[in-house]
């Protein structure tokens, strides 16, 4: 099988209700990841683009979140309603969805203005 053109890693981390950092998959059902897989298959992208369930991506305050590689584009506050737009605009047309992108200053830093609490 040829290598995948893109990987979409969708956070599936669960935290207890009320956790100050939030939770990307409160039901534990991986609904967002399953929807990406379904929509990619409908567009004939199965085998070209992979939608993987990931563990914590440590961007909890922006959840549900995901990252698209090899582009290294991070998205936050993603809902089911955003899946088609991400696939059409970013995955197919190569144009990331700016309104959902996480700011570089919020990635992998405790200094992100959105962090309510550190160390959790």
C-alpha atoms as a PDB file:
ATOM      1  CA  UNK A   1       0.000   0.000   0.000  1.00  0.00           C
ATOM      2  CA  UNK A   2       1.354   3.460  -0.824  1.00  0.00           C
ATOM      3  CA  UNK A   3       1.940   5.848   2.046  1.00  0.00           C
ATOM      4  CA  UNK A   4      -0.818   8.175   3.169  1.00  0.00           C
ATOM      5  CA  UNK A   5      -0.762  11.712   1.777  1.00  0.00           C
ATOM      6  CA  UNK A   6      -2.105  13.157   5.019  1.00  0.00           C
ATOM      7  CA  UNK A   7      -2.859  12.045   8.552  1.00  0.00           C
ATOM      8  CA  UNK A   8      -5.544  13.661  10.678  1.00  0.00           C
ATOM      9  CA  UNK A   9      -4.991  13.016  14.379  1.00  0.00           C
ATOM     10  CA  UNK A  10      -8.175  13.692  16.369  1.00  0.00           C
ATOM     11  CA  UNK A  11      -7.859  14.013  20.129  1.00  0.00           C
ATOM     12  CA  UNK A  12      -9.840  11.390  21.983  1.00  0.00           C
ATOM     13  CA  UNK A  13      -8.713  12.275  25.479  1.00  0.00           C
ATOM     14  CA  UNK A  14     -11.247  12.116  28.278  1.00  0.00           C
ATOM     15  CA  UNK A  15     -11.187  14.059  31.513  1.00  0.00           C
ATOM     16  CA  UNK A  16     -13.617  14.026  34.402  1.00  0.00           C
ATOM     17  CA  UNK A  17     -16.627  16.368  34.124  1.00  0.00           C
ATOM     18  CA  UNK A  18     -15.782  19.865  35.306  1.00  0.00           C
ATOM     19  CA  UNK A  19     -12.041  19.581  34.670  1.00  0.00           C
ATOM     20  CA  UNK A  20     -10.746  23.136  34.172  1.00  0.00           C
ATOM     21  CA  UNK A  21      -8.828  22.139  31.026  1.00  0.00           C
ATOM     22  CA  UNK A  22     -11.880  20.702  29.293  1.00  0.00           C
ATOM     23  CA  UNK A  23     -12.287  17.421  27.452  1.00  0.00           C
ATOM     24  CA  UNK A  24     -12.058  16.601  23.736  1.00  0.00           C
ATOM     25  CA  UNK A  25     -14.189  13.431  23.767  1.00  0.00           C
ATOM     26  CA  UNK A  26     -16.504  13.539  26.796  1.00  0.00           C
ATOM     27  CA  UNK A  27     -18.619  10.564  25.677  1.00  0.00           C
ATOM     28  CA  UNK A  28     -15.628   8.391  24.774  1.00  0.00           C
ATOM     29  CA  UNK A  29     -17.354   7.377  21.542  1.00  0.00           C
ATOM     30  CA  UNK A  30     -14.835   8.922  19.089  1.00  0.00           C
ATOM     31  CA  UNK A  31     -17.718  10.470  17.139  1.00  0.00           C
ATOM     32  CA  UNK A  32     -15.564  13.133  15.486  1.00  0.00           C
ATOM     33  CA  UNK A  33     -12.952  10.625  14.339  1.00  0.00           C
ATOM     34  CA  UNK A  34     -15.593   8.247  13.005  1.00  0.00           C
ATOM     35  CA  UNK A  35     -17.261  11.104  11.119  1.00  0.00           C
ATOM     36  CA  UNK A  36     -13.953  12.074   9.511  1.00  0.00           C
ATOM     37  CA  UNK A  37     -13.411   8.455   8.428  1.00  0.00           C
ATOM     38  CA  UNK A  38     -16.911   8.257   6.950  1.00  0.00           C
ATOM     39  CA  UNK A  39     -16.638  11.563   5.093  1.00  0.00           C
ATOM     40  CA  UNK A  40     -13.164  10.751   3.735  1.00  0.00           C
ATOM     41  CA  UNK A  41     -14.414   7.395   2.444  1.00  0.00           C
ATOM     42  CA  UNK A  42     -17.424   9.062   0.790  1.00  0.00           C
ATOM     43  CA  UNK A  43     -15.008  11.287  -1.136  1.00  0.00           C
ATOM     44  CA  UNK A  44     -12.855   8.361  -2.258  1.00  0.00           C
ATOM     45  CA  UNK A  45      -9.965   9.327   0.006  1.00  0.00           C
ATOM     46  CA  UNK A  46      -9.715   6.056   1.925  1.00  0.00           C
ATOM     47  CA  UNK A  47      -6.119   4.880   1.613  1.00  0.00           C
ATOM     48  CA  UNK A  48      -4.911   8.402   0.802  1.00  0.00           C
ATOM     49  CA  UNK A  49      -5.888  10.225   3.997  1.00  0.00           C
ATOM     50  CA  UNK A  50      -6.024   8.591   7.409  1.00  0.00           C
ATOM     51  CA  UNK A  51      -8.135   9.856  10.332  1.00  0.00           C
ATOM     52  CA  UNK A  52      -6.651   8.460  13.540  1.00  0.00           C
ATOM     53  CA  UNK A  53      -7.937   8.657  17.080  1.00  0.00           C
ATOM     54  CA  UNK A  54      -5.141  10.172  19.168  1.00  0.00           C
ATOM     55  CA  UNK A  55      -4.432  10.384  22.833  1.00  0.00           C
ATOM     56  CA  UNK A  56      -4.111  13.778  24.482  1.00  0.00           C
ATOM     57  CA  UNK A  57      -2.692  16.398  22.122  1.00  0.00           C
ATOM     58  CA  UNK A  58      -2.249  18.757  25.120  1.00  0.00           C
ATOM     59  CA  UNK A  59      -4.365  21.516  23.626  1.00  0.00           C
ATOM     60  CA  UNK A  60      -7.309  20.782  25.928  1.00  0.00           C
ATOM     61  CA  UNK A  61      -8.468  24.383  26.276  1.00  0.00           C
ATOM     62  CA  UNK A  62      -9.123  24.411  22.540  1.00  0.00           C
ATOM     63  CA  UNK A  63     -10.903  21.082  22.321  1.00  0.00           C
ATOM     64  CA  UNK A  64     -12.105  19.225  20.557  1.00  0.00           C
ATOM     65  CA  UNK A  65      -8.904  19.586  18.604  1.00  0.00           C
ATOM     66  CA  UNK A  66      -6.952  17.868  15.859  1.00  0.00           C
ATOM     67  CA  UNK A  67      -3.804  18.217  13.800  1.00  0.00           C
ATOM     68  CA  UNK A  68      -3.226  17.504  10.113  1.00  0.00           C
ATOM     69  CA  UNK A  69       0.190  16.142   9.087  1.00  0.00           C
ATOM     70  CA  UNK A  70       2.481  16.561   7.258  1.00  0.00           C
ATOM     71  CA  UNK A  71       1.116  20.130   7.172  1.00  0.00           C
ATOM     72  CA  UNK A  72       1.350  20.574  10.967  1.00  0.00           C
ATOM     73  CA  UNK A  73      -1.907  22.564  10.942  1.00  0.00           C
ATOM     74  CA  UNK A  74      -3.697  22.512  14.299  1.00  0.00           C
ATOM     75  CA  UNK A  75      -7.440  23.066  14.638  1.00  0.00           C
ATOM     76  CA  UNK A  76      -9.456  23.807  17.754  1.00  0.00           C
ATOM     77  CA  UNK A  77     -13.097  23.884  18.815  1.00  0.00           C
ATOM     78  CA  UNK A  78     -13.905  21.484  15.962  1.00  0.00           C
ATOM     79  CA  UNK A  79     -17.506  20.282  15.716  1.00  0.00           C
ATOM     80  CA  UNK A  80     -19.238  17.764  13.495  1.00  0.00           C
ATOM     81  CA  UNK A  81     -20.429  20.710  11.392  1.00  0.00           C
ATOM     82  CA  UNK A  82     -16.786  21.617  10.582  1.00  0.00           C
ATOM     83  CA  UNK A  83     -15.749  18.229   9.170  1.00  0.00           C
ATOM     84  CA  UNK A  84     -16.924  18.805   5.591  1.00  0.00           C
ATOM     85  CA  UNK A  85     -15.257  22.223   5.463  1.00  0.00           C
ATOM     86  CA  UNK A  86     -11.924  20.883   6.737  1.00  0.00           C
ATOM     87  CA  UNK A  87     -11.999  18.046   4.219  1.00  0.00           C
ATOM     88  CA  UNK A  88     -13.070  20.186   1.254  1.00  0.00           C
ATOM     89  CA  UNK A  89     -10.910  23.222   1.970  1.00  0.00           C
ATOM     90  CA  UNK A  90      -7.794  21.776   3.583  1.00  0.00           C
ATOM     91  CA  UNK A  91      -7.545  18.117   2.650  1.00  0.00           C
ATOM     92  CA  UNK A  92      -8.781  18.398  -0.947  1.00  0.00           C
ATOM     93  CA  UNK A  93      -8.038  22.022  -1.943  1.00  0.00           C
ATOM     94  CA  UNK A  94      -4.943  22.533   0.225  1.00  0.00           C
ATOM     95  CA  UNK A  95      -6.273  25.676   1.946  1.00  0.00           C
ATOM     96  CA  UNK A  96      -6.424  25.410   5.764  1.00  0.00           C
ATOM     97  CA  UNK A  97      -9.575  26.668   7.472  1.00  0.00           C
ATOM     98  CA  UNK A  98      -8.299  29.833   9.157  1.00  0.00           C
ATOM     99  CA  UNK A  99     -11.278  30.348  11.449  1.00  0.00           C
ATOM    100  CA  UNK A 100     -10.515  27.016  13.193  1.00  0.00           C
ATOM    101  CA  UNK A 101      -6.717  27.206  13.255  1.00  0.00           C
ATOM    102  CA  UNK A 102      -4.976  27.394  16.588  1.00  0.00           C
ATOM    103  CA  UNK A 103      -2.577  30.309  16.945  1.00  0.00           C
ATOM    104  CA  UNK A 104       1.081  29.330  16.947  1.00  0.00           C
ATOM    105  CA  UNK A 105       1.429  31.094  20.291  1.00  0.00           C
ATOM    106  CA  UNK A 106      -0.966  28.604  21.873  1.00  0.00           C
ATOM    107  CA  UNK A 107       0.834  25.464  20.734  1.00  0.00           C
ATOM    108  CA  UNK A 108       3.026  23.582  23.190  1.00  0.00           C
ATOM    109  CA  UNK A 109       3.333  26.426  25.653  1.00  0.00           C
ATOM    110  CA  UNK A 110       2.084  27.017  29.161  1.00  0.00           C
ATOM    111  CA  UNK A 111       1.884  30.720  28.288  1.00  0.00           C
ATOM    112  CA  UNK A 112      -1.212  30.333  26.104  1.00  0.00           C
ATOM    113  CA  UNK A 113      -3.747  32.937  27.165  1.00  0.00           C
ATOM    114  CA  UNK A 114      -6.457  30.261  27.081  1.00  0.00           C
ATOM    115  CA  UNK A 115      -4.907  28.009  29.705  1.00  0.00           C
ATOM    116  CA  UNK A 116      -7.040  28.118  32.809  1.00  0.00           C
ATOM    117  CA  UNK A 117      -4.797  25.883  34.834  1.00  0.00           C
ATOM    118  CA  UNK A 118      -1.415  24.286  34.384  1.00  0.00           C
ATOM    119  CA  UNK A 119      -0.199  20.862  35.337  1.00  0.00           C
ATOM    120  CA  UNK A 120      -3.473  19.008  34.921  1.00  0.00           C
END
